[in-house]
Amino acid sequence: MPGRKIVHVDMDAFFASVEVRDRPELKGLPVAVAHGGPRSVVTTASYEARVFGVRSALPLRTALQKCPDLIVVEPRMAVYREVSRQIRHVFAQYTDLVEVMSIDEAFLLTANRG
């Protein structure tokens, strides 16, 4: 398909980025989004937390051992869904061919306009 592009959007550290957006005092600090329970796992980690080896799906207990200063924030799924909806609205301004893969990932098919 000449003149078309497939764009893959994967919003890395999405939940943590939303938390930092809403709580600017967290900027530059190691942040993980996770429930606080003893069997919890990290859903996402900021880049500052990743320096210490904190990653998605890591048991929270292990994350806290790797990064004792880790700031753990409870997930706010309704907020993440709303931000994701807003971002999809931006996508729709460029193309109506959007394949949503998850709350933070999509493929867009765009036509070359020039």
Protein backbone atom coordinates (compact mmCIF):
# COMPACT_ATOMS: atom_id res chain seq x y z
CA MET A 1 0.00 0.00 0.00
CA PRO A 2 2.09 2.94 -1.23
CA GLY A 3 1.77 6.08 0.83
CA ARG A 4 0.56 4.29 3.93
CA LYS A 5 2.26 3.73 7.24
CA ILE A 6 1.60 1.43 10.15
CA VAL A 7 2.35 3.14 13.44
CA HIS A 8 2.75 1.08 16.60
CA VAL A 9 2.08 3.02 19.80
CA ASP A 10 3.18 1.35 23.04
CA MET A 11 2.97 3.74 25.97
CA ASP A 12 5.73 2.39 28.15
CA ALA A 13 5.37 3.05 31.90
CA PHE A 14 1.83 4.31 31.20
CA PHE A 15 0.29 3.90 34.67
CA ALA A 16 3.34 5.37 36.42
CA SER A 17 3.42 8.27 33.96
CA VAL A 18 -0.22 9.08 34.71
CA GLU A 19 0.53 9.02 38.44
CA VAL A 20 3.45 11.42 38.00
CA ARG A 21 1.29 13.68 35.81
CA ASP A 22 -1.33 13.85 38.57
CA ARG A 23 1.20 14.11 41.42
CA PRO A 24 4.10 16.26 40.20
CA GLU A 25 5.93 15.76 43.50
CA LEU A 26 6.69 12.22 42.25
CA LYS A 27 8.67 13.50 39.25
CA GLY A 28 12.18 12.07 39.22
CA LEU A 29 11.43 9.52 41.96
CA PRO A 30 11.21 5.73 41.71
CA VAL A 31 7.49 4.95 41.40
CA ALA A 32 5.71 1.62 41.03
CA VAL A 33 2.02 1.04 40.60
CA ALA A 34 0.87 -1.99 42.59
CA HIS A 35 -1.67 -3.07 45.15
CA GLY A 36 -0.14 -3.04 48.61
CA GLY A 37 -0.91 -6.68 49.47
CA PRO A 38 1.71 -9.28 50.39
CA ARG A 39 1.27 -11.19 47.10
CA SER A 40 1.09 -8.12 44.88
CA VAL A 41 3.10 -7.61 41.70
CA VAL A 42 4.23 -4.40 40.05
CA THR A 43 1.92 -3.40 37.19
CA THR A 44 4.32 -0.74 35.93
CA ALA A 45 7.39 1.14 37.09
CA SER A 46 8.79 4.54 36.28
CA TYR A 47 12.14 4.76 34.52
CA GLU A 48 13.67 5.92 37.80
CA ALA A 49 12.53 2.66 39.43
CA ARG A 50 13.75 0.58 36.48
CA VAL A 51 17.32 1.69 37.21
CA PHE A 52 17.07 -0.51 40.33
CA GLY A 53 15.67 -3.48 38.40
CA VAL A 54 12.01 -2.85 39.22
CA ARG A 55 9.88 -4.09 36.31
CA SER A 56 6.30 -5.06 35.52
CA ALA A 57 5.24 -8.44 36.94
CA LEU A 58 7.99 -8.34 39.59
CA PRO A 59 6.67 -9.32 43.02
CA LEU A 60 6.23 -6.17 45.08
CA ARG A 61 8.25 -7.66 47.92
CA THR A 62 11.21 -8.13 45.55
CA ALA A 63 10.76 -4.63 44.11
CA LEU A 64 10.96 -3.13 47.60
CA GLN A 65 14.14 -5.13 48.30
CA LYS A 66 15.72 -3.87 45.08
CA CYS A 67 14.62 -0.29 45.73
CA PRO A 68 13.92 0.48 49.40
CA ASP A 69 12.90 4.06 48.52
CA LEU A 70 10.31 2.86 46.00
CA ILE A 71 7.08 4.82 46.14
CA VAL A 72 4.19 2.39 45.70
CA VAL A 73 0.96 3.86 44.34
CA GLU A 74 -2.34 2.00 44.28
CA PRO A 75 -3.70 1.51 40.75
CA ARG A 76 -6.48 3.83 39.59
CA MET A 77 -7.86 1.91 36.64
CA ALA A 78 -10.75 4.31 35.99
CA VAL A 79 -8.24 7.15 35.57
CA TYR A 80 -6.02 5.07 33.25
CA ARG A 81 -9.02 4.09 31.13
CA GLU A 82 -10.03 7.76 30.81
CA VAL A 83 -6.52 8.86 29.81
CA SER A 84 -6.38 6.00 27.31
CA ARG A 85 -9.72 7.15 25.86
CA GLN A 86 -8.36 10.69 25.51
CA ILE A 87 -5.28 9.39 23.71
CA ARG A 88 -7.41 7.30 21.35
CA HIS A 89 -9.35 10.48 20.57
CA VAL A 90 -6.06 12.05 19.45
CA PHE A 91 -5.38 9.01 17.25
CA ALA A 92 -8.80 9.46 15.64
CA GLN A 93 -7.78 12.96 14.54
CA TYR A 94 -5.20 11.33 12.26
CA THR A 95 -6.84 8.09 11.16
CA ASP A 96 -10.00 6.10 11.61
CA LEU A 97 -8.01 2.88 11.27
CA VAL A 98 -6.98 2.19 14.87
CA GLU A 99 -6.52 -1.30 16.29
CA VAL A 100 -6.48 -1.07 20.08
CA MET A 101 -4.43 -3.87 21.62
CA SER A 102 -4.67 -2.84 25.28
CA ILE A 103 -5.16 0.19 27.48
CA ASP A 104 -1.68 1.43 26.53
CA GLU A 105 -1.03 -0.03 23.08
CA ALA A 106 -2.47 0.40 19.58
CA PHE A 107 -1.69 0.13 15.88
CA LEU A 108 -2.64 2.95 13.52
CA LEU A 109 -2.79 2.77 9.75
CA THR A 110 -2.18 6.19 8.24
CA ALA A 111 -2.28 7.49 4.69
CA ASN A 112 0.60 9.58 3.40
CA ARG A 113 -0.79 13.10 3.00
CA GLY A 114 2.00 14.64 1.11
